[in-house]
Amino acid sequence: MNLSQEFKQNVRAAILHHRQNFGGTDTDYARTLGIKPSIYSRLKKGETEGLLSNTIWITIGRELDVRMHQSTWKVARTKVYNEIEESLHFCKEYSKSMILADDCGIGKTFCTRHIIRSMKNTFYVDCSQGKTKQQFIRLLAKTVGVDNKGRYVDVKANLKYYINLLDKPLIVLDEAGDLDYNAFLELKELWNGTDGGCAWYMIGADGLRAKMQRGIRNNKVGYAEIFSRFSDEFITLVPTGSMDKKQFYADLIGAVATANLTEKSKVNVLVNQCIKKEATLRHLETLIKIGA
């Protein structure tokens, strides 16, 4: 498999751009990419050929969301976007923690990832990619720039220590409901070890809420303590009342459709189609891309 020079240059550009919001050293940053500091130094100087294997180029490109064809999908400042943005900035400024647990398909992940692109020392972790405690801690360590090799207890200790060295770090845990029980329990230790020095923002859907409520109800160790540390509440954006919920989705889908349709006359048609099928923004995107 031969990777084009254009792809490598795009990945290099993404690496340098992403570095601007990372508060650690170049050595720490190189760890987040899974490469040696000397390789990162050569990348900074403009080199690309013969530095990395194709697998590493692809891995870094995936992690930094490098695309060969620029997406034409436009970001709409929906209520979901604005609420998440406000919560993220609040958490980061005051080193607080929150849980956003709400319906699938309202743009939680999309909005969050777009917002944190411009936030320094803010780290995104997809928990579905590290479900066990070993996988989770090592994934988080790599994400923030800590060596994730070696003994598990040492990696975890170094992770907590390093987080406390950063200036107002914020760690976003998406798909948090996918963590298994032992991995979930590690959140208590991480929070305790970084209390007052790190913000945490947990994202999930109904499964996360149900998992935590069931654990609390059954007095299962850890759940009540973690819930307390994450502000003792679930942040929800979708109203519970039938009519209010319908209006919420109409406004949300309408705003995104308006931002992404050239023919504005089609907006109401698509909104009605989605509402009728009780569909989400993912369905709207499909309809727009197939030209419905």
C-alpha atoms as a PDB file:
ATOM      1  CA  MET A   1       0.000   0.000   0.000  1.00  0.00           C
ATOM      2  CA  ASN A   2       1.408   3.356  -1.038  1.00  0.00           C
ATOM      3  CA  LEU A   3       0.238   6.490   0.747  1.00  0.00           C
ATOM      4  CA  SER A   4       0.302   9.672  -1.270  1.00  0.00           C
ATOM      5  CA  GLN A   5       2.560  12.567  -0.369  1.00  0.00           C
ATOM      6  CA  GLU A   6      -0.566  14.711  -0.164  1.00  0.00           C
ATOM      7  CA  PHE A   7      -2.003  12.496   2.572  1.00  0.00           C
ATOM      8  CA  LYS A   8       1.242  12.585   4.569  1.00  0.00           C
ATOM      9  CA  GLN A   9       1.413  16.367   4.279  1.00  0.00           C
ATOM     10  CA  ASN A  10      -2.198  16.641   5.447  1.00  0.00           C
ATOM     11  CA  VAL A  11      -1.428  14.444   8.458  1.00  0.00           C
ATOM     12  CA  ARG A  12       1.693  16.502   9.203  1.00  0.00           C
ATOM     13  CA  ALA A  13      -0.344  19.723   9.046  1.00  0.00           C
ATOM     14  CA  ALA A  14      -2.924  18.247  11.419  1.00  0.00           C
ATOM     15  CA  ILE A  15      -0.166  17.194  13.826  1.00  0.00           C
ATOM     16  CA  LEU A  16       1.265  20.726  13.944  1.00  0.00           C
ATOM     17  CA  HIS A  17      -2.168  22.314  14.258  1.00  0.00           C
ATOM     18  CA  HIS A  18      -3.193  19.984  17.085  1.00  0.00           C
ATOM     19  CA  ARG A  19       0.054  20.772  18.918  1.00  0.00           C
ATOM     20  CA  GLN A  20      -1.108  24.365  19.481  1.00  0.00           C
ATOM     21  CA  ASN A  21      -3.737  23.260  22.015  1.00  0.00           C
ATOM     22  CA  PHE A  22      -1.478  20.812  23.850  1.00  0.00           C
ATOM     23  CA  GLY A  23       0.108  22.289  26.963  1.00  0.00           C
ATOM     24  CA  GLY A  24       2.816  19.674  27.549  1.00  0.00           C
ATOM     25  CA  THR A  25       6.275  19.357  26.022  1.00  0.00           C
ATOM     26  CA  ASP A  26       7.103  18.151  22.528  1.00  0.00           C
ATOM     27  CA  THR A  27       8.158  14.846  24.067  1.00  0.00           C
ATOM     28  CA  ASP A  28       4.782  14.487  25.776  1.00  0.00           C
ATOM     29  CA  TYR A  29       3.012  15.409  22.560  1.00  0.00           C
ATOM     30  CA  ALA A  30       4.979  12.833  20.593  1.00  0.00           C
ATOM     31  CA  ARG A  31       3.680  10.211  23.031  1.00  0.00           C
ATOM     32  CA  THR A  32       0.080  11.135  22.236  1.00  0.00           C
ATOM     33  CA  LEU A  33       0.874  10.331  18.608  1.00  0.00           C
ATOM     34  CA  GLY A  34       2.701   7.112  19.422  1.00  0.00           C
ATOM     35  CA  ILE A  35       5.971   8.290  17.863  1.00  0.00           C
ATOM     36  CA  LYS A  36       9.468   9.099  19.110  1.00  0.00           C
ATOM     37  CA  PRO A  37      10.320  12.733  19.970  1.00  0.00           C
ATOM     38  CA  SER A  38      13.097  12.684  17.381  1.00  0.00           C
ATOM     39  CA  ILE A  39      10.567  11.755  14.696  1.00  0.00           C
ATOM     40  CA  TYR A  40       8.263  14.581  15.768  1.00  0.00           C
ATOM     41  CA  SER A  41      11.213  16.987  15.577  1.00  0.00           C
ATOM     42  CA  ARG A  42      11.889  15.951  11.989  1.00  0.00           C
ATOM     43  CA  LEU A  43       8.187  16.310  11.128  1.00  0.00           C
ATOM     44  CA  LYS A  44       8.286  19.871  12.447  1.00  0.00           C
ATOM     45  CA  LYS A  45      11.165  20.586  10.096  1.00  0.00           C
ATOM     46  CA  GLY A  46       9.064  19.461   7.136  1.00  0.00           C
ATOM     47  CA  GLU A  47      10.264  15.900   6.625  1.00  0.00           C
ATOM     48  CA  THR A  48       7.787  13.132   5.847  1.00  0.00           C
ATOM     49  CA  GLU A  49       9.481  10.479   3.731  1.00  0.00           C
ATOM     50  CA  GLY A  50      10.906   7.433   5.476  1.00  0.00           C
ATOM     51  CA  LEU A  51       9.852   8.599   8.945  1.00  0.00           C
ATOM     52  CA  LEU A  52       6.811   6.473   9.733  1.00  0.00           C
ATOM     53  CA  SER A  53       5.263   3.220   8.623  1.00  0.00           C
ATOM     54  CA  ASN A  54       2.048   3.353   6.640  1.00  0.00           C
ATOM     55  CA  THR A  55       0.197   1.947   9.635  1.00  0.00           C
ATOM     56  CA  ILE A  56       1.331   4.809  11.878  1.00  0.00           C
ATOM     57  CA  TRP A  57       0.505   7.437   9.241  1.00  0.00           C
ATOM     58  CA  ILE A  58      -2.986   5.954   8.959  1.00  0.00           C
ATOM     59  CA  THR A  59      -3.420   5.668  12.735  1.00  0.00           C
ATOM     60  CA  ILE A  60      -2.452   9.293  13.341  1.00  0.00           C
ATOM     61  CA  GLY A  61      -4.597  10.426  10.425  1.00  0.00           C
ATOM     62  CA  ARG A  62      -7.584   8.592  11.877  1.00  0.00           C
ATOM     63  CA  GLU A  63      -7.046   9.940  15.390  1.00  0.00           C
ATOM     64  CA  LEU A  64      -6.741  13.513  14.113  1.00  0.00           C
ATOM     65  CA  ASP A  65      -9.661  13.083  11.701  1.00  0.00           C
ATOM     66  CA  VAL A  66      -7.627  13.811   8.563  1.00  0.00           C
ATOM     67  CA  ARG A  67      -9.694  13.502   5.407  1.00  0.00           C
ATOM     68  CA  MET A  68      -8.558  13.631   1.804  1.00  0.00           C
ATOM     69  CA  HIS A  69     -11.870  15.100   0.756  1.00  0.00           C
ATOM     70  CA  GLN A  70     -13.074  18.011   2.831  1.00  0.00           C
ATOM     71  CA  SER A  71     -16.512  17.479   4.300  1.00  0.00           C
ATOM     72  CA  THR A  72     -19.104  19.968   3.124  1.00  0.00           C
ATOM     73  CA  TRP A  73     -21.262  19.364   6.197  1.00  0.00           C
ATOM     74  CA  LYS A  74     -21.715  22.681   7.982  1.00  0.00           C
ATOM     75  CA  VAL A  75     -21.901  23.206  11.716  1.00  0.00           C
ATOM     76  CA  ALA A  76     -25.148  24.759  12.922  1.00  0.00           C
ATOM     77  CA  ARG A  77     -25.309  26.638  16.215  1.00  0.00           C
ATOM     78  CA  THR A  78     -28.220  24.641  17.531  1.00  0.00           C
ATOM     79  CA  LYS A  79     -29.482  24.666  21.100  1.00  0.00           C
ATOM     80  CA  VAL A  80     -27.544  21.436  21.622  1.00  0.00           C
ATOM     81  CA  TYR A  81     -24.322  23.063  20.385  1.00  0.00           C
ATOM     82  CA  ASN A  82     -24.755  26.158  22.551  1.00  0.00           C
ATOM     83  CA  GLU A  83     -25.640  24.210  25.700  1.00  0.00           C
ATOM     84  CA  ILE A  84     -22.694  21.833  25.324  1.00  0.00           C
ATOM     85  CA  GLU A  85     -20.317  24.702  24.614  1.00  0.00           C
ATOM     86  CA  GLU A  86     -21.438  26.534  27.747  1.00  0.00           C
ATOM     87  CA  SER A  87     -21.083  23.404  29.890  1.00  0.00           C
ATOM     88  CA  LEU A  88     -17.617  22.556  28.539  1.00  0.00           C
ATOM     89  CA  HIS A  89     -16.278  26.038  29.167  1.00  0.00           C
ATOM     90  CA  PHE A  90     -17.801  26.110  32.644  1.00  0.00           C
ATOM     91  CA  CYS A  91     -16.260  22.759  33.555  1.00  0.00           C
ATOM     92  CA  LYS A  92     -12.851  23.778  32.230  1.00  0.00           C
ATOM     93  CA  GLU A  93     -12.814  27.191  33.904  1.00  0.00           C
ATOM     94  CA  TYR A  94     -13.783  25.903  37.337  1.00  0.00           C
ATOM     95  CA  SER A  95     -12.414  22.323  37.127  1.00  0.00           C
ATOM     96  CA  LYS A  96     -15.897  20.854  37.577  1.00  0.00           C
ATOM     97  CA  SER A  97     -17.409  17.633  36.270  1.00  0.00           C
ATOM     98  CA  MET A  98     -20.702  16.909  34.531  1.00  0.00           C
ATOM     99  CA  ILE A  99     -22.594  14.070  32.875  1.00  0.00           C
ATOM    100  CA  LEU A 100     -24.503  14.669  29.648  1.00  0.00           C
ATOM    101  CA  ALA A 101     -26.876  11.742  29.182  1.00  0.00           C
ATOM    102  CA  ASP A 102     -29.432  12.240  26.440  1.00  0.00           C
ATOM    103  CA  ASP A 103     -31.051  10.843  23.305  1.00  0.00           C
ATOM    104  CA  CYS A 104     -28.964   9.398  20.494  1.00  0.00           C
ATOM    105  CA  GLY A 105     -28.664  11.342  17.268  1.00  0.00           C
ATOM    106  CA  ILE A 106     -28.938  14.920  18.582  1.00  0.00           C
ATOM    107  CA  GLY A 107     -25.322  15.778  17.756  1.00  0.00           C
ATOM    108  CA  LYS A 108     -23.675  15.355  21.163  1.00  0.00           C
ATOM    109  CA  THR A 109     -20.418  13.922  19.853  1.00  0.00           C
ATOM    110  CA  PHE A 110     -20.309  16.046  16.701  1.00  0.00           C
ATOM    111  CA  CYS A 111     -20.811  19.289  18.623  1.00  0.00           C
ATOM    112  CA  THR A 112     -18.387  18.348  21.387  1.00  0.00           C
ATOM    113  CA  ARG A 113     -15.567  17.422  19.030  1.00  0.00           C
ATOM    114  CA  HIS A 114     -16.035  20.626  17.054  1.00  0.00           C
ATOM    115  CA  ILE A 115     -16.072  22.794  20.188  1.00  0.00           C
ATOM    116  CA  ILE A 116     -12.976  21.330  21.832  1.00  0.00           C
ATOM    117  CA  ARG A 117     -10.817  21.782  18.741  1.00  0.00           C
ATOM    118  CA  SER A 118     -10.048  25.305  19.938  1.00  0.00           C
ATOM    119  CA  MET A 119      -9.766  24.490  23.668  1.00  0.00           C
ATOM    120  CA  LYS A 120      -6.259  24.106  25.080  1.00  0.00           C
ATOM    121  CA  ASN A 121      -5.437  21.021  27.141  1.00  0.00           C
ATOM    122  CA  THR A 122      -8.768  19.418  26.299  1.00  0.00           C
ATOM    123  CA  PHE A 123      -8.696  15.711  25.547  1.00  0.00           C
ATOM    124  CA  TYR A 124     -11.312  13.526  23.888  1.00  0.00           C
ATOM    125  CA  VAL A 125     -11.553   9.830  24.730  1.00  0.00           C
ATOM    126  CA  ASP A 126     -13.919   7.426  22.969  1.00  0.00           C
ATOM    127  CA  CYS A 127     -14.528   4.911  25.752  1.00  0.00           C
ATOM    128  CA  SER A 128     -15.913   2.375  23.288  1.00  0.00           C
ATOM    129  CA  GLN A 129     -12.292   1.951  22.149  1.00  0.00           C
ATOM    130  CA  GLY A 130     -11.068   1.142  25.673  1.00  0.00           C
ATOM    131  CA  LYS A 131     -13.735  -0.744  27.592  1.00  0.00           C
ATOM    132  CA  THR A 132     -11.670  -2.655  30.157  1.00  0.00           C
ATOM    133  CA  LYS A 133      -9.765  -0.860  32.902  1.00  0.00           C
ATOM    134  CA  GLN A 134      -6.395  -1.735  31.358  1.00  0.00           C
ATOM    135  CA  GLN A 135      -7.475  -0.524  27.930  1.00  0.00           C
ATOM    136  CA  PHE A 136      -9.139   2.587  29.340  1.00  0.00           C
ATOM    137  CA  ILE A 137      -6.242   3.779  31.494  1.00  0.00           C
ATOM    138  CA  ARG A 138      -3.661   3.106  28.790  1.00  0.00           C
ATOM    139  CA  LEU A 139      -5.822   4.852  26.165  1.00  0.00           C
ATOM    140  CA  LEU A 140      -6.300   7.872  28.419  1.00  0.00           C
ATOM    141  CA  ALA A 141      -2.584   7.972  29.220  1.00  0.00           C
ATOM    142  CA  LYS A 142      -1.660   7.973  25.541  1.00  0.00           C
ATOM    143  CA  THR A 143      -4.274  10.634  24.819  1.00  0.00           C
ATOM    144  CA  VAL A 144      -2.864  13.108  27.331  1.00  0.00           C
ATOM    145  CA  GLY A 145       0.786  12.345  26.547  1.00  0.00           C
ATOM    146  CA  VAL A 146       1.892   9.860  29.214  1.00  0.00           C
ATOM    147  CA  ASP A 147       3.886   6.733  28.362  1.00  0.00           C
ATOM    148  CA  ASN A 148       1.254   3.980  28.441  1.00  0.00           C
ATOM    149  CA  LYS A 149       3.702   1.090  28.387  1.00  0.00           C
ATOM    150  CA  GLY A 150       4.950  -0.716  31.488  1.00  0.00           C
ATOM    151  CA  ARG A 151       3.210  -1.738  34.693  1.00  0.00           C
ATOM    152  CA  TYR A 152      -0.433  -0.737  34.921  1.00  0.00           C
ATOM    153  CA  VAL A 153      -0.087   0.781  38.404  1.00  0.00           C
ATOM    154  CA  ASP A 154       2.822   2.942  37.231  1.00  0.00           C
ATOM    155  CA  VAL A 155       0.955   4.133  34.148  1.00  0.00           C
ATOM    156  CA  LYS A 156      -2.020   5.114  36.288  1.00  0.00           C
ATOM    157  CA  ALA A 157       0.108   6.881  38.889  1.00  0.00           C
ATOM    158  CA  ASN A 158       1.982   8.812  36.208  1.00  0.00           C
ATOM    159  CA  LEU A 159      -1.313   9.673  34.507  1.00  0.00           C
ATOM    160  CA  LYS A 160      -2.766  11.254  37.656  1.00  0.00           C
ATOM    161  CA  TYR A 161       0.465  13.101  38.390  1.00  0.00           C
ATOM    162  CA  TYR A 162       0.769  14.441  34.854  1.00  0.00           C
ATOM    163  CA  ILE A 163      -2.832  15.632  34.646  1.00  0.00           C
ATOM    164  CA  ASN A 164      -2.190  17.764  37.726  1.00  0.00           C
ATOM    165  CA  LEU A 165       0.761  19.412  35.991  1.00  0.00           C
ATOM    166  CA  LEU A 166      -1.394  20.735  33.143  1.00  0.00           C
ATOM    167  CA  ASP A 167      -3.092  24.122  33.093  1.00  0.00           C
ATOM    168  CA  LYS A 168      -6.860  23.619  33.535  1.00  0.00           C
ATOM    169  CA  PRO A 169      -7.163  20.309  31.672  1.00  0.00           C
ATOM    170  CA  LEU A 170     -10.554  19.011  30.547  1.00  0.00           C
ATOM    171  CA  ILE A 171     -11.092  15.338  29.752  1.00  0.00           C
ATOM    172  CA  VAL A 172     -14.150  14.379  27.712  1.00  0.00           C
ATOM    173  CA  LEU A 173     -15.278  10.773  28.138  1.00  0.00           C
ATOM    174  CA  ASP A 174     -17.599   9.943  25.244  1.00  0.00           C
ATOM    175  CA  GLU A 175     -19.575   6.685  25.094  1.00  0.00           C
ATOM    176  CA  ALA A 176     -18.915   6.367  28.833  1.00  0.00           C
ATOM    177  CA  GLY A 177     -21.678   3.796  29.155  1.00  0.00           C
ATOM    178  CA  ASP A 178     -19.461   1.333  27.251  1.00  0.00           C
ATOM    179  CA  LEU A 179     -16.948   1.112  30.098  1.00  0.00           C
ATOM    180  CA  ASP A 180     -17.141  -2.141  31.988  1.00  0.00           C
ATOM    181  CA  TYR A 181     -17.626  -2.063  35.754  1.00  0.00           C
ATOM    182  CA  ASN A 182     -13.958  -2.191  36.762  1.00  0.00           C
ATOM    183  CA  ALA A 183     -13.037   0.484  34.223  1.00  0.00           C
ATOM    184  CA  PHE A 184     -15.901   2.660  35.431  1.00  0.00           C
ATOM    185  CA  LEU A 185     -14.665   2.372  39.020  1.00  0.00           C
ATOM    186  CA  GLU A 186     -11.323   3.838  37.950  1.00  0.00           C
ATOM    187  CA  LEU A 187     -13.099   7.152  37.356  1.00  0.00           C
ATOM    188  CA  LYS A 188     -13.462   7.608  41.117  1.00  0.00           C
ATOM    189  CA  GLU A 189      -9.727   7.210  41.661  1.00  0.00           C
ATOM    190  CA  LEU A 190      -8.884   9.477  38.734  1.00  0.00           C
ATOM    191  CA  TRP A 191     -11.282  12.148  39.956  1.00  0.00           C
ATOM    192  CA  ASN A 192      -9.943  11.934  43.515  1.00  0.00           C
ATOM    193  CA  GLY A 193      -6.375  12.115  42.271  1.00  0.00           C
ATOM    194  CA  THR A 194      -7.051  15.243  40.218  1.00  0.00           C
ATOM    195  CA  ASP A 195      -9.662  16.948  42.414  1.00  0.00           C
ATOM    196  CA  GLY A 196      -9.617  20.692  41.840  1.00  0.00           C
ATOM    197  CA  GLY A 197      -7.083  20.403  39.047  1.00  0.00           C
ATOM    198  CA  CYS A 198      -8.999  18.737  36.222  1.00  0.00           C
ATOM    199  CA  ALA A 199     -12.448  18.980  34.666  1.00  0.00           C
ATOM    200  CA  TRP A 200     -14.290  15.872  33.493  1.00  0.00           C
ATOM    201  CA  TYR A 201     -17.206  15.731  31.063  1.00  0.00           C
ATOM    202  CA  MET A 202     -18.944  12.399  30.602  1.00  0.00           C
ATOM    203  CA  ILE A 203     -21.162  11.812  27.559  1.00  0.00           C
ATOM    204  CA  GLY A 204     -23.595   8.983  26.963  1.00  0.00           C
ATOM    205  CA  ALA A 205     -27.133   8.069  26.010  1.00  0.00           C
ATOM    206  CA  ASP A 206     -29.964   6.356  27.869  1.00  0.00           C
ATOM    207  CA  GLY A 207     -27.748   3.345  28.550  1.00  0.00           C
ATOM    208  CA  LEU A 208     -25.325   5.408  30.634  1.00  0.00           C
ATOM    209  CA  ARG A 209     -28.125   6.911  32.709  1.00  0.00           C
ATOM    210  CA  ALA A 210     -29.779   3.519  33.234  1.00  0.00           C
ATOM    211  CA  LYS A 211     -26.458   1.902  34.155  1.00  0.00           C
ATOM    212  CA  MET A 212     -25.687   4.502  36.808  1.00  0.00           C
ATOM    213  CA  GLN A 213     -29.209   4.617  38.216  1.00  0.00           C
ATOM    214  CA  ARG A 214     -29.301   0.817  38.457  1.00  0.00           C
ATOM    215  CA  GLY A 215     -25.921   0.770  40.184  1.00  0.00           C
ATOM    216  CA  ILE A 216     -27.009   3.414  42.694  1.00  0.00           C
ATOM    217  CA  ARG A 217     -30.353   1.705  43.323  1.00  0.00           C
ATOM    218  CA  ASN A 218     -28.633  -1.632  43.965  1.00  0.00           C
ATOM    219  CA  ASN A 219     -25.983  -0.028  46.210  1.00  0.00           C
ATOM    220  CA  LYS A 220     -23.251  -1.266  43.903  1.00  0.00           C
ATOM    221  CA  VAL A 221     -19.861   0.031  44.998  1.00  0.00           C
ATOM    222  CA  GLY A 222     -18.705   3.175  43.227  1.00  0.00           C
ATOM    223  CA  TYR A 223     -21.772   4.394  41.386  1.00  0.00           C
ATOM    224  CA  ALA A 224     -23.150   6.775  44.020  1.00  0.00           C
ATOM    225  CA  GLU A 225     -19.649   8.160  44.674  1.00  0.00           C
ATOM    226  CA  ILE A 226     -18.966   8.762  40.989  1.00  0.00           C
ATOM    227  CA  PHE A 227     -22.385  10.336  40.458  1.00  0.00           C
ATOM    228  CA  SER A 228     -21.741  12.680  43.385  1.00  0.00           C
ATOM    229  CA  ARG A 229     -18.385  13.730  41.974  1.00  0.00           C
ATOM    230  CA  PHE A 230     -20.042  14.468  38.628  1.00  0.00           C
ATOM    231  CA  SER A 231     -22.389  17.092  40.132  1.00  0.00           C
ATOM    232  CA  ASP A 232     -25.145  14.709  41.287  1.00  0.00           C
ATOM    233  CA  GLU A 233     -27.230  15.118  38.154  1.00  0.00           C
ATOM    234  CA  PHE A 234     -27.643  14.137  34.532  1.00  0.00           C
ATOM    235  CA  ILE A 235     -27.629  17.043  32.113  1.00  0.00           C
ATOM    236  CA  THR A 236     -30.391  16.554  29.548  1.00  0.00           C
ATOM    237  CA  LEU A 237     -31.221  18.754  26.599  1.00  0.00           C
ATOM    238  CA  VAL A 238     -34.276  17.026  25.121  1.00  0.00           C
ATOM    239  CA  PRO A 239     -37.543  17.985  26.890  1.00  0.00           C
ATOM    240  CA  THR A 240     -39.655  15.204  28.383  1.00  0.00           C
ATOM    241  CA  GLY A 241     -43.094  16.558  27.435  1.00  0.00           C
ATOM    242  CA  SER A 242     -44.480  15.160  24.190  1.00  0.00           C
ATOM    243  CA  MET A 243     -45.216  18.495  22.508  1.00  0.00           C
ATOM    244  CA  ASP A 244     -42.064  20.175  23.814  1.00  0.00           C
ATOM    245  CA  LYS A 245     -39.992  17.248  22.599  1.00  0.00           C
ATOM    246  CA  LYS A 246     -41.534  17.393  19.151  1.00  0.00           C
ATOM    247  CA  GLN A 247     -40.831  21.132  18.937  1.00  0.00           C
ATOM    248  CA  PHE A 248     -37.255  20.594  20.138  1.00  0.00           C
ATOM    249  CA  TYR A 249     -36.587  18.116  17.347  1.00  0.00           C
ATOM    250  CA  ALA A 250     -38.293  20.295  14.773  1.00  0.00           C
ATOM    251  CA  ASP A 251     -36.087  23.236  15.746  1.00  0.00           C
ATOM    252  CA  LEU A 252     -32.939  21.100  15.888  1.00  0.00           C
ATOM    253  CA  ILE A 253     -33.485  19.368  12.563  1.00  0.00           C
ATOM    254  CA  GLY A 254     -34.626  22.616  10.967  1.00  0.00           C
ATOM    255  CA  ALA A 255     -31.485  24.486  12.053  1.00  0.00           C
ATOM    256  CA  VAL A 256     -29.153  21.782  10.743  1.00  0.00           C
ATOM    257  CA  ALA A 257     -31.124  21.417   7.511  1.00  0.00           C
ATOM    258  CA  THR A 258     -31.066  25.177   6.939  1.00  0.00           C
ATOM    259  CA  ALA A 259     -27.288  25.261   7.371  1.00  0.00           C
ATOM    260  CA  ASN A 260     -26.717  22.393   4.936  1.00  0.00           C
ATOM    261  CA  LEU A 261     -29.328  22.851   2.214  1.00  0.00           C
ATOM    262  CA  THR A 262     -28.862  25.178  -0.701  1.00  0.00           C
ATOM    263  CA  GLU A 263     -32.557  24.972  -1.521  1.00  0.00           C
ATOM    264  CA  LYS A 264     -34.153  26.379   1.614  1.00  0.00           C
ATOM    265  CA  SER A 265     -37.605  25.490   0.314  1.00  0.00           C
ATOM    266  CA  LYS A 266     -36.827  21.839   1.140  1.00  0.00           C
ATOM    267  CA  VAL A 267     -36.179  22.480   4.831  1.00  0.00           C
ATOM    268  CA  ASN A 268     -39.748  22.025   6.062  1.00  0.00           C
ATOM    269  CA  VAL A 269     -40.230  18.950   3.894  1.00  0.00           C
ATOM    270  CA  LEU A 270     -37.194  17.238   5.414  1.00  0.00           C
ATOM    271  CA  VAL A 271     -38.121  18.315   8.931  1.00  0.00           C
ATOM    272  CA  ASN A 272     -41.570  16.786   8.504  1.00  0.00           C
ATOM    273  CA  GLN A 273     -40.112  13.581   7.078  1.00  0.00           C
ATOM    274  CA  CYS A 274     -37.776  13.189  10.039  1.00  0.00           C
ATOM    275  CA  ILE A 275     -40.392  14.052  12.644  1.00  0.00           C
ATOM    276  CA  LYS A 276     -42.883  11.629  11.091  1.00  0.00           C
ATOM    277  CA  LYS A 277     -40.355   8.794  11.277  1.00  0.00           C
ATOM    278  CA  GLU A 278     -39.078   9.929  14.697  1.00  0.00           C
ATOM    279  CA  ALA A 279     -35.683  10.056  13.035  1.00  0.00           C
ATOM    280  CA  THR A 280     -32.525  11.844  14.174  1.00  0.00           C
ATOM    281  CA  LEU A 281     -29.856  14.079  12.640  1.00  0.00           C
ATOM    282  CA  ARG A 282     -28.150  11.012  11.177  1.00  0.00           C
ATOM    283  CA  HIS A 283     -31.229  10.337   9.062  1.00  0.00           C
ATOM    284  CA  LEU A 284     -31.396  13.993   8.059  1.00  0.00           C
ATOM    285  CA  GLU A 285     -27.787  13.865   6.885  1.00  0.00           C
ATOM    286  CA  THR A 286     -28.567  10.797   4.795  1.00  0.00           C
ATOM    287  CA  LEU A 287     -31.584  12.495   3.207  1.00  0.00           C
ATOM    288  CA  ILE A 288     -29.573  15.600   2.356  1.00  0.00           C
ATOM    289  CA  LYS A 289     -26.647  13.660   0.902  1.00  0.00           C
ATOM    290  CA  ILE A 290     -28.832  11.530  -1.332  1.00  0.00           C
ATOM    291  CA  GLY A 291     -30.577  14.688  -2.527  1.00  0.00           C
ATOM    292  CA  ALA A 292     -34.020  13.973  -1.101  1.00  0.00           C
END
